[in-house]
């Protein structure tokens, strides 16, 4: 994911865990209402179904690598 200076994304949820690694730039991620400042080499593990939102607060492009965990299919017993 990349965001230009001053831009952000709306809050969203993913049914599995998400690992977010900041590759470039600075910003703020809000996870379940709690802000976390991010910079290169910051890694966050976002719990399954947690609300999260990202903002670029820096002077250059914010680049994140997002790895979304798979949600296992439910089994019928």
PDB file of N, CA and C in Angstrom:
ATOM      1  N   UNK A   1       0.854  -1.146   0.000  1.00  0.00           N
ATOM      2  CA  UNK A   1       0.000   0.000   0.000  1.00  0.00           C
ATOM      3  C   UNK A   1       0.909   1.220   0.000  1.00  0.00           C
ATOM      4  N   UNK A   2       0.519   2.249  -0.760  1.00  0.00           N
ATOM      5  CA  UNK A   2       1.250   3.515  -0.707  1.00  0.00           C
ATOM      6  C   UNK A   2       0.248   4.661  -0.596  1.00  0.00           C
ATOM      7  N   UNK A   3       0.625   5.652   0.198  1.00  0.00           N
ATOM      8  CA  UNK A   3      -0.223   6.822   0.417  1.00  0.00           C
ATOM      9  C   UNK A   3       0.604   8.082   0.223  1.00  0.00           C
ATOM     10  N   UNK A   4       0.064   9.023  -0.515  1.00  0.00           N
ATOM     11  CA  UNK A   4       0.716  10.309  -0.708  1.00  0.00           C
ATOM     12  C   UNK A   4       0.627  11.136   0.570  1.00  0.00           C
ATOM     13  N   UNK A   5       1.483  12.126   0.676  1.00  0.00           N
ATOM     14  CA  UNK A   5       1.499  13.020   1.825  1.00  0.00           C
ATOM     15  C   UNK A   5       0.117  13.599   2.089  1.00  0.00           C
ATOM     16  N   UNK A   6      -0.307  13.546   3.347  1.00  0.00           N
ATOM     17  CA  UNK A   6      -1.589  14.100   3.749  1.00  0.00           C
ATOM     18  C   UNK A   6      -2.792  13.226   3.501  1.00  0.00           C
ATOM     19  N   UNK A   7      -2.595  12.062   2.904  1.00  0.00           N
ATOM     20  CA  UNK A   7      -3.718  11.175   2.603  1.00  0.00           C
ATOM     21  C   UNK A   7      -3.845  10.058   3.632  1.00  0.00           C
ATOM     22  N   UNK A   8      -5.020   9.442   3.655  1.00  0.00           N
ATOM     23  CA  UNK A   8      -5.286   8.325   4.553  1.00  0.00           C
ATOM     24  C   UNK A   8      -6.330   7.424   3.949  1.00  0.00           C
ATOM     25  N   UNK A   9      -6.651   6.382   4.661  1.00  0.00           N
ATOM     26  CA  UNK A   9      -7.692   5.468   4.211  1.00  0.00           C
ATOM     27  C   UNK A   9      -8.751   5.374   5.301  1.00  0.00           C
ATOM     28  N   UNK A  10      -9.986   5.078   4.923  1.00  0.00           N
ATOM     29  CA  UNK A  10     -11.041   4.903   5.930  1.00  0.00           C
ATOM     30  C   UNK A  10     -10.754   3.677   6.797  1.00  0.00           C
ATOM     31  N   UNK A  11     -11.317   3.667   7.988  1.00  0.00           N
ATOM     32  CA  UNK A  11     -11.176   2.519   8.881  1.00  0.00           C
ATOM     33  C   UNK A  11     -11.828   1.295   8.243  1.00  0.00           C
ATOM     34  N   UNK A  12     -11.197   0.158   8.414  1.00  0.00           N
ATOM     35  CA  UNK A  12     -11.764  -1.082   7.908  1.00  0.00           C
ATOM     36  C   UNK A  12     -11.336  -2.232   8.812  1.00  0.00           C
ATOM     37  N   UNK A  13     -11.936  -3.401   8.601  1.00  0.00           N
ATOM     38  CA  UNK A  13     -11.631  -4.594   9.379  1.00  0.00           C
ATOM     39  C   UNK A  13     -11.365  -5.748   8.429  1.00  0.00           C
ATOM     40  N   UNK A  14     -10.510  -6.658   8.853  1.00  0.00           N
ATOM     41  CA  UNK A  14     -10.223  -7.868   8.098  1.00  0.00           C
ATOM     42  C   UNK A  14     -10.470  -9.049   9.046  1.00  0.00           C
ATOM     43  N   UNK A  15     -11.108 -10.113   8.576  1.00  0.00           N
ATOM     44  CA  UNK A  15     -11.456 -11.210   9.481  1.00  0.00           C
ATOM     45  C   UNK A  15     -10.249 -11.961  10.051  1.00  0.00           C
ATOM     46  N   UNK A  16      -9.087 -11.859   9.423  1.00  0.00           N
ATOM     47  CA  UNK A  16      -7.873 -12.506   9.937  1.00  0.00           C
ATOM     48  C   UNK A  16      -6.888 -11.461  10.441  1.00  0.00           C
ATOM     49  N   UNK A  17      -5.794 -11.918  11.045  1.00  0.00           N
ATOM     50  CA  UNK A  17      -4.746 -11.000  11.485  1.00  0.00           C
ATOM     51  C   UNK A  17      -4.119 -10.301  10.281  1.00  0.00           C
ATOM     52  N   UNK A  18      -3.588  -9.101  10.515  1.00  0.00           N
ATOM     53  CA  UNK A  18      -2.856  -8.360   9.492  1.00  0.00           C
ATOM     54  C   UNK A  18      -1.516  -7.959  10.092  1.00  0.00           C
ATOM     55  N   UNK A  19      -0.443  -8.194   9.343  1.00  0.00           N
ATOM     56  CA  UNK A  19       0.882  -7.713   9.741  1.00  0.00           C
ATOM     57  C   UNK A  19       1.214  -6.560   8.807  1.00  0.00           C
ATOM     58  N   UNK A  20       1.553  -5.402   9.396  1.00  0.00           N
ATOM     59  CA  UNK A  20       1.859  -4.202   8.614  1.00  0.00           C
ATOM     60  C   UNK A  20       3.309  -3.808   8.871  1.00  0.00           C
ATOM     61  N   UNK A  21       4.129  -3.788   7.825  1.00  0.00           N
ATOM     62  CA  UNK A  21       5.533  -3.392   7.904  1.00  0.00           C
ATOM     63  C   UNK A  21       5.705  -2.085   7.141  1.00  0.00           C
ATOM     64  N   UNK A  22       6.212  -1.063   7.818  1.00  0.00           N
ATOM     65  CA  UNK A  22       6.450   0.229   7.174  1.00  0.00           C
ATOM     66  C   UNK A  22       7.787   0.165   6.450  1.00  0.00           C
ATOM     67  N   UNK A  23       7.760   0.398   5.140  1.00  0.00           N
ATOM     68  CA  UNK A  23       8.973   0.353   4.320  1.00  0.00           C
ATOM     69  C   UNK A  23       9.562   1.739   4.093  1.00  0.00           C
ATOM     70  N   UNK A  24       8.692   2.753   3.998  1.00  0.00           N
ATOM     71  CA  UNK A  24       9.164   4.108   3.673  1.00  0.00           C
ATOM     72  C   UNK A  24       8.180   5.122   4.227  1.00  0.00           C
ATOM     73  N   UNK A  25       8.689   6.264   4.670  1.00  0.00           N
ATOM     74  CA  UNK A  25       7.846   7.353   5.112  1.00  0.00           C
ATOM     75  C   UNK A  25       7.445   7.237   6.572  1.00  0.00           C
ATOM     76  N   UNK A  26       6.620   8.201   6.986  1.00  0.00           N
ATOM     77  CA  UNK A  26       6.122   8.210   8.361  1.00  0.00           C
ATOM     78  C   UNK A  26       4.614   8.415   8.330  1.00  0.00           C
ATOM     79  N   UNK A  27       3.968   7.932   9.379  1.00  0.00           N
ATOM     80  CA  UNK A  27       2.524   8.080   9.416  1.00  0.00           C
ATOM     81  C   UNK A  27       1.968   7.692  10.766  1.00  0.00           C
ATOM     82  N   UNK A  28       0.675   7.494  10.770  1.00  0.00           N
ATOM     83  CA  UNK A  28      -0.022   7.078  11.985  1.00  0.00           C
ATOM     84  C   UNK A  28      -1.020   6.005  11.596  1.00  0.00           C
ATOM     85  N   UNK A  29      -1.034   4.934  12.378  1.00  0.00           N
ATOM     86  CA  UNK A  29      -2.035   3.897  12.211  1.00  0.00           C
ATOM     87  C   UNK A  29      -2.894   3.924  13.471  1.00  0.00           C
ATOM     88  N   UNK A  30      -4.184   3.861  13.287  1.00  0.00           N
ATOM     89  CA  UNK A  30      -5.110   3.842  14.413  1.00  0.00           C
ATOM     90  C   UNK A  30      -5.735   2.449  14.443  1.00  0.00           C
ATOM     91  N   UNK A  31      -5.470   1.721  15.540  1.00  0.00           N
ATOM     92  CA  UNK A  31      -5.962   0.350  15.691  1.00  0.00           C
ATOM     93  C   UNK A  31      -6.931   0.329  16.864  1.00  0.00           C
ATOM     94  N   UNK A  32      -8.187   0.024  16.563  1.00  0.00           N
ATOM     95  CA  UNK A  32      -9.244   0.038  17.583  1.00  0.00           C
ATOM     96  C   UNK A  32      -9.218   1.326  18.413  1.00  0.00           C
ATOM     97  N   UNK A  33      -9.049   2.453  17.714  1.00  0.00           N
ATOM     98  CA  UNK A  33      -9.090   3.765  18.354  1.00  0.00           C
ATOM     99  C   UNK A  33      -7.790   4.218  18.993  1.00  0.00           C
ATOM    100  N   UNK A  34      -6.759   3.375  18.998  1.00  0.00           N
ATOM    101  CA  UNK A  34      -5.479   3.729  19.622  1.00  0.00           C
ATOM    102  C   UNK A  34      -4.462   4.095  18.554  1.00  0.00           C
ATOM    103  N   UNK A  35      -3.941   5.359  18.572  1.00  0.00           N
ATOM    104  CA  UNK A  35      -2.969   5.775  17.557  1.00  0.00           C
ATOM    105  C   UNK A  35      -1.571   5.216  17.828  1.00  0.00           C
ATOM    106  N   UNK A  36      -0.897   4.822  16.744  1.00  0.00           N
ATOM    107  CA  UNK A  36       0.482   4.350  16.806  1.00  0.00           C
ATOM    108  C   UNK A  36       1.243   5.057  15.696  1.00  0.00           C
ATOM    109  N   UNK A  37       2.312   5.774  16.052  1.00  0.00           N
ATOM    110  CA  UNK A  37       3.147   6.410  15.033  1.00  0.00           C
ATOM    111  C   UNK A  37       4.011   5.348  14.379  1.00  0.00           C
ATOM    112  N   UNK A  38       4.123   5.441  13.051  1.00  0.00           N
ATOM    113  CA  UNK A  38       4.904   4.449  12.307  1.00  0.00           C
ATOM    114  C   UNK A  38       5.986   5.143  11.493  1.00  0.00           C
ATOM    115  N   UNK A  39       7.089   4.436  11.311  1.00  0.00           N
ATOM    116  CA  UNK A  39       8.228   4.900  10.522  1.00  0.00           C
ATOM    117  C   UNK A  39       8.883   3.663   9.913  1.00  0.00           C
ATOM    118  N   UNK A  40       9.884   3.817   9.049  1.00  0.00           N
ATOM    119  CA  UNK A  40      10.498   2.632   8.444  1.00  0.00           C
ATOM    120  C   UNK A  40      10.939   1.609   9.491  1.00  0.00           C
ATOM    121  N   UNK A  41      10.697   0.360   9.161  1.00  0.00           N
ATOM    122  CA  UNK A  41      11.002  -0.802   9.985  1.00  0.00           C
ATOM    123  C   UNK A  41      10.068  -0.986  11.171  1.00  0.00           C
ATOM    124  N   UNK A  42       8.965  -0.214  11.248  1.00  0.00           N
ATOM    125  CA  UNK A  42       7.940  -0.445  12.255  1.00  0.00           C
ATOM    126  C   UNK A  42       7.065  -1.605  11.770  1.00  0.00           C
ATOM    127  N   UNK A  43       6.853  -2.580  12.641  1.00  0.00           N
ATOM    128  CA  UNK A  43       5.987  -3.712  12.320  1.00  0.00           C
ATOM    129  C   UNK A  43       4.862  -3.770  13.344  1.00  0.00           C
ATOM    130  N   UNK A  44       3.638  -3.823  12.859  1.00  0.00           N
ATOM    131  CA  UNK A  44       2.475  -3.953  13.730  1.00  0.00           C
ATOM    132  C   UNK A  44       1.731  -5.235  13.381  1.00  0.00           C
ATOM    133  N   UNK A  45       1.285  -5.941  14.402  1.00  0.00           N
ATOM    134  CA  UNK A  45       0.402  -7.090  14.198  1.00  0.00           C
ATOM    135  C   UNK A  45      -0.978  -6.643  14.654  1.00  0.00           C
ATOM    136  N   UNK A  46      -1.892  -6.609  13.707  1.00  0.00           N
ATOM    137  CA  UNK A  46      -3.255  -6.139  13.972  1.00  0.00           C
ATOM    138  C   UNK A  46      -4.138  -7.367  14.183  1.00  0.00           C
ATOM    139  N   UNK A  47      -4.774  -7.465  15.335  1.00  0.00           N
ATOM    140  CA  UNK A  47      -5.603  -8.647  15.616  1.00  0.00           C
ATOM    141  C   UNK A  47      -6.759  -8.801  14.617  1.00  0.00           C
ATOM    142  N   UNK A  48      -7.194 -10.020  14.452  1.00  0.00           N
ATOM    143  CA  UNK A  48      -8.342 -10.305  13.587  1.00  0.00           C
ATOM    144  C   UNK A  48      -9.535  -9.451  14.007  1.00  0.00           C
ATOM    145  N   UNK A  49     -10.216  -8.902  13.030  1.00  0.00           N
ATOM    146  CA  UNK A  49     -11.430  -8.092  13.196  1.00  0.00           C
ATOM    147  C   UNK A  49     -11.219  -6.751  13.885  1.00  0.00           C
ATOM    148  N   UNK A  50      -9.956  -6.350  14.135  1.00  0.00           N
ATOM    149  CA  UNK A  50      -9.699  -5.037  14.730  1.00  0.00           C
ATOM    150  C   UNK A  50      -9.894  -3.960  13.663  1.00  0.00           C
ATOM    151  N   UNK A  51     -10.486  -2.864  14.054  1.00  0.00           N
ATOM    152  CA  UNK A  51     -10.630  -1.720  13.155  1.00  0.00           C
ATOM    153  C   UNK A  51      -9.257  -1.067  13.006  1.00  0.00           C
ATOM    154  N   UNK A  52      -8.861  -0.759  11.769  1.00  0.00           N
ATOM    155  CA  UNK A  52      -7.585  -0.080  11.569  1.00  0.00           C
ATOM    156  C   UNK A  52      -7.663   0.908  10.415  1.00  0.00           C
ATOM    157  N   UNK A  53      -6.897   1.969  10.561  1.00  0.00           N
ATOM    158  CA  UNK A  53      -6.895   3.091   9.627  1.00  0.00           C
ATOM    159  C   UNK A  53      -5.466   3.616   9.543  1.00  0.00           C
ATOM    160  N   UNK A  54      -5.060   4.108   8.365  1.00  0.00           N
ATOM    161  CA  UNK A  54      -3.692   4.584   8.163  1.00  0.00           C
ATOM    162  C   UNK A  54      -3.716   5.996   7.590  1.00  0.00           C
ATOM    163  N   UNK A  55      -2.792   6.841   8.083  1.00  0.00           N
ATOM    164  CA  UNK A  55      -2.630   8.207   7.593  1.00  0.00           C
ATOM    165  C   UNK A  55      -1.160   8.478   7.306  1.00  0.00           C
ATOM    166  N   UNK A  56      -0.874   9.164   6.215  1.00  0.00           N
ATOM    167  CA  UNK A  56       0.485   9.617   5.936  1.00  0.00           C
ATOM    168  C   UNK A  56       0.647  10.985   6.581  1.00  0.00           C
ATOM    169  N   UNK A  57       1.487  11.084   7.598  1.00  0.00           N
ATOM    170  CA  UNK A  57       1.709  12.348   8.305  1.00  0.00           C
ATOM    171  C   UNK A  57       3.046  12.973   7.951  1.00  0.00           C
ATOM    172  N   UNK A  58       3.780  12.342   7.041  1.00  0.00           N
ATOM    173  CA  UNK A  58       5.126  12.804   6.703  1.00  0.00           C
ATOM    174  C   UNK A  58       5.175  13.645   5.438  1.00  0.00           C
ATOM    175  N   UNK A  59       6.402  13.887   4.988  1.00  0.00           N
ATOM    176  CA  UNK A  59       6.647  14.727   3.817  1.00  0.00           C
ATOM    177  C   UNK A  59       6.964  13.923   2.560  1.00  0.00           C
ATOM    178  N   UNK A  60       6.924  12.589   2.664  1.00  0.00           N
ATOM    179  CA  UNK A  60       7.157  11.737   1.502  1.00  0.00           C
ATOM    180  C   UNK A  60       6.108  10.638   1.459  1.00  0.00           C
ATOM    181  N   UNK A  61       6.100   9.890   0.377  1.00  0.00           N
ATOM    182  CA  UNK A  61       5.149   8.795   0.225  1.00  0.00           C
ATOM    183  C   UNK A  61       5.322   7.790   1.367  1.00  0.00           C
ATOM    184  N   UNK A  62       4.206   7.304   1.898  1.00  0.00           N
ATOM    185  CA  UNK A  62       4.202   6.265   2.926  1.00  0.00           C
ATOM    186  C   UNK A  62       3.973   4.935   2.222  1.00  0.00           C
ATOM    187  N   UNK A  63       4.894   3.984   2.425  1.00  0.00           N
ATOM    188  CA  UNK A  63       4.794   2.680   1.768  1.00  0.00           C
ATOM    189  C   UNK A  63       4.764   1.600   2.844  1.00  0.00           C
ATOM    190  N   UNK A  64       3.713   0.790   2.802  1.00  0.00           N
ATOM    191  CA  UNK A  64       3.523  -0.298   3.759  1.00  0.00           C
ATOM    192  C   UNK A  64       3.397  -1.626   3.025  1.00  0.00           C
ATOM    193  N   UNK A  65       3.929  -2.667   3.636  1.00  0.00           N
ATOM    194  CA  UNK A  65       3.698  -4.031   3.174  1.00  0.00           C
ATOM    195  C   UNK A  65       2.682  -4.623   4.132  1.00  0.00           C
ATOM    196  N   UNK A  66       1.529  -5.016   3.610  1.00  0.00           N
ATOM    197  CA  UNK A  66       0.464  -5.595   4.434  1.00  0.00           C
ATOM    198  C   UNK A  66       0.334  -7.067   4.105  1.00  0.00           C
ATOM    199  N   UNK A  67       0.403  -7.897   5.143  1.00  0.00           N
ATOM    200  CA  UNK A  67       0.253  -9.329   4.971  1.00  0.00           C
ATOM    201  C   UNK A  67      -0.987  -9.741   5.744  1.00  0.00           C
ATOM    202  N   UNK A  68      -1.980 -10.204   5.018  1.00  0.00           N
ATOM    203  CA  UNK A  68      -3.265 -10.566   5.624  1.00  0.00           C
ATOM    204  C   UNK A  68      -3.323 -12.063   5.850  1.00  0.00           C
ATOM    205  N   UNK A  69      -3.645 -12.443   7.076  1.00  0.00           N
ATOM    206  CA  UNK A  69      -3.776 -13.850   7.408  1.00  0.00           C
ATOM    207  C   UNK A  69      -5.049 -14.434   6.831  1.00  0.00           C
ATOM    208  N   UNK A  70      -4.974 -15.676   6.460  1.00  0.00           N
ATOM    209  CA  UNK A  70      -6.158 -16.363   5.954  1.00  0.00           C
ATOM    210  C   UNK A  70      -7.048 -16.775   7.110  1.00  0.00           C
ATOM    211  N   UNK A  71      -8.310 -16.787   6.853  1.00  0.00           N
ATOM    212  CA  UNK A  71      -9.270 -17.236   7.853  1.00  0.00           C
ATOM    213  C   UNK A  71      -9.670 -18.658   7.484  1.00  0.00           C
ATOM    214  N   UNK A  72      -9.439 -19.613   8.376  1.00  0.00           N
ATOM    215  CA  UNK A  72      -9.784 -20.999   8.028  1.00  0.00           C
ATOM    216  C   UNK A  72     -11.285 -21.155   7.802  1.00  0.00           C
ATOM    217  N   UNK A  73     -11.610 -21.980   6.849  1.00  0.00           N
ATOM    218  CA  UNK A  73     -13.012 -22.272   6.577  1.00  0.00           C
ATOM    219  C   UNK A  73     -13.585 -23.028   7.771  1.00  0.00           C
ATOM    220  N   UNK A  74     -14.804 -22.715   8.106  1.00  0.00           N
ATOM    221  CA  UNK A  74     -15.421 -23.437   9.226  1.00  0.00           C
ATOM    222  C   UNK A  74     -15.759 -24.860   8.773  1.00  0.00           C
ATOM    223  N   UNK A  75     -15.691 -25.755   9.709  1.00  0.00           N
ATOM    224  CA  UNK A  75     -16.010 -27.138   9.381  1.00  0.00           C
ATOM    225  C   UNK A  75     -17.358 -27.504   9.974  1.00  0.00           C
ATOM    226  N   UNK A  76     -18.039 -28.339   9.280  1.00  0.00           N
ATOM    227  CA  UNK A  76     -19.326 -28.812   9.763  1.00  0.00           C
ATOM    228  C   UNK A  76     -19.073 -30.149  10.443  1.00  0.00           C
ATOM    229  N   UNK A  77     -19.451 -30.273  11.698  1.00  0.00           N
ATOM    230  CA  UNK A  77     -19.122 -31.462  12.453  1.00  0.00           C
ATOM    231  C   UNK A  77     -20.147 -32.482  12.523  1.00  0.00           C
TER     232      UNK A  77
END
